[in-house]
Amino acid sequence: MGSVIKKRRKRMAKKKHRKLLRKTRHQRRNRK
């Protein structure tokens, strides 16, 4: 069961990351 939860967390993290990228695209450019 633990591994399944980890997999779900990874999938959620990817979705969250994509949303964050769309919201803070300009901020990321400034960081680089």
N, C-alpha and C. Protein backbone atom coordinates (compact mmCIF):
# COMPACT_ATOMS: atom_id res chain seq x y z
N MET A 1 0.83 -1.22 0.00
CA MET A 1 0.00 0.00 0.00
C MET A 1 0.86 1.26 0.00
N GLY A 2 1.96 1.21 0.73
CA GLY A 2 2.84 2.38 0.81
C GLY A 2 3.31 2.82 -0.57
N SER A 3 3.71 1.84 -1.39
CA SER A 3 4.23 2.18 -2.72
C SER A 3 3.14 2.85 -3.57
N VAL A 4 1.91 2.37 -3.43
CA VAL A 4 0.81 2.96 -4.21
C VAL A 4 0.62 4.43 -3.83
N ILE A 5 0.67 4.72 -2.54
CA ILE A 5 0.51 6.11 -2.08
C ILE A 5 1.64 6.97 -2.64
N LYS A 6 2.85 6.43 -2.64
CA LYS A 6 4.00 7.19 -3.16
C LYS A 6 3.78 7.50 -4.64
N LYS A 7 3.32 6.50 -5.38
CA LYS A 7 3.07 6.72 -6.82
C LYS A 7 2.03 7.82 -7.00
N ARG A 8 0.95 7.76 -6.21
CA ARG A 8 -0.10 8.79 -6.31
C ARG A 8 0.49 10.16 -5.99
N ARG A 9 1.32 10.23 -4.97
CA ARG A 9 1.92 11.52 -4.59
C ARG A 9 2.77 12.05 -5.74
N LYS A 10 3.52 11.15 -6.38
CA LYS A 10 4.36 11.59 -7.50
C LYS A 10 3.49 12.16 -8.62
N ARG A 11 2.39 11.47 -8.93
CA ARG A 11 1.50 11.97 -9.99
C ARG A 11 0.93 13.33 -9.62
N MET A 12 0.49 13.48 -8.38
CA MET A 12 -0.06 14.76 -7.93
C MET A 12 1.00 15.86 -8.00
N ALA A 13 2.21 15.52 -7.59
CA ALA A 13 3.29 16.50 -7.61
C ALA A 13 3.52 17.00 -9.04
N LYS A 14 3.49 16.07 -9.99
CA LYS A 14 3.70 16.47 -11.39
C LYS A 14 2.60 17.45 -11.83
N LYS A 15 1.35 17.13 -11.49
CA LYS A 15 0.25 18.02 -11.87
C LYS A 15 0.40 19.38 -11.20
N LYS A 16 0.75 19.37 -9.91
CA LYS A 16 0.93 20.64 -9.20
C LYS A 16 2.06 21.44 -9.83
N HIS A 17 3.14 20.75 -10.18
CA HIS A 17 4.30 21.42 -10.77
C HIS A 17 3.90 22.11 -12.08
N ARG A 18 3.11 21.42 -12.88
CA ARG A 18 2.69 22.02 -14.15
C ARG A 18 1.87 23.27 -13.90
N LYS A 19 0.96 23.21 -12.93
CA LYS A 19 0.14 24.38 -12.62
C LYS A 19 1.02 25.52 -12.14
N LEU A 20 2.00 25.20 -11.30
CA LEU A 20 2.88 26.24 -10.78
C LEU A 20 3.67 26.87 -11.92
N LEU A 21 4.13 26.04 -12.86
CA LEU A 21 4.91 26.57 -13.97
C LEU A 21 4.06 27.56 -14.78
N ARG A 22 2.81 27.21 -15.02
CA ARG A 22 1.93 28.11 -15.79
C ARG A 22 1.73 29.42 -15.04
N LYS A 23 1.58 29.34 -13.72
CA LYS A 23 1.31 30.56 -12.94
C LYS A 23 2.57 31.41 -12.82
N THR A 24 3.71 30.78 -12.57
CA THR A 24 4.94 31.54 -12.28
C THR A 24 5.98 31.34 -13.38
N ARG A 25 5.55 31.50 -14.62
CA ARG A 25 6.50 31.35 -15.73
C ARG A 25 7.53 32.49 -15.70
N HIS A 26 7.05 33.71 -15.51
CA HIS A 26 7.94 34.87 -15.53
C HIS A 26 8.93 34.81 -14.37
N GLN A 27 8.46 34.38 -13.21
CA GLN A 27 9.34 34.34 -12.04
C GLN A 27 10.50 33.38 -12.29
N ARG A 28 10.22 32.24 -12.91
CA ARG A 28 11.28 31.26 -13.18
C ARG A 28 12.32 31.87 -14.11
N ARG A 29 11.89 32.62 -15.10
CA ARG A 29 12.83 33.23 -16.04
C ARG A 29 13.75 34.20 -15.29
N ASN A 30 13.17 34.95 -14.36
CA ASN A 30 13.98 35.91 -13.61
C ASN A 30 15.02 35.19 -12.76
N ARG A 31 14.65 34.03 -12.22
CA ARG A 31 15.60 33.29 -11.39
C ARG A 31 16.82 32.89 -12.19
N LYS A 32 16.58 32.43 -13.44
CA LYS A 32 17.71 32.01 -14.27
C LYS A 32 18.50 33.24 -14.71
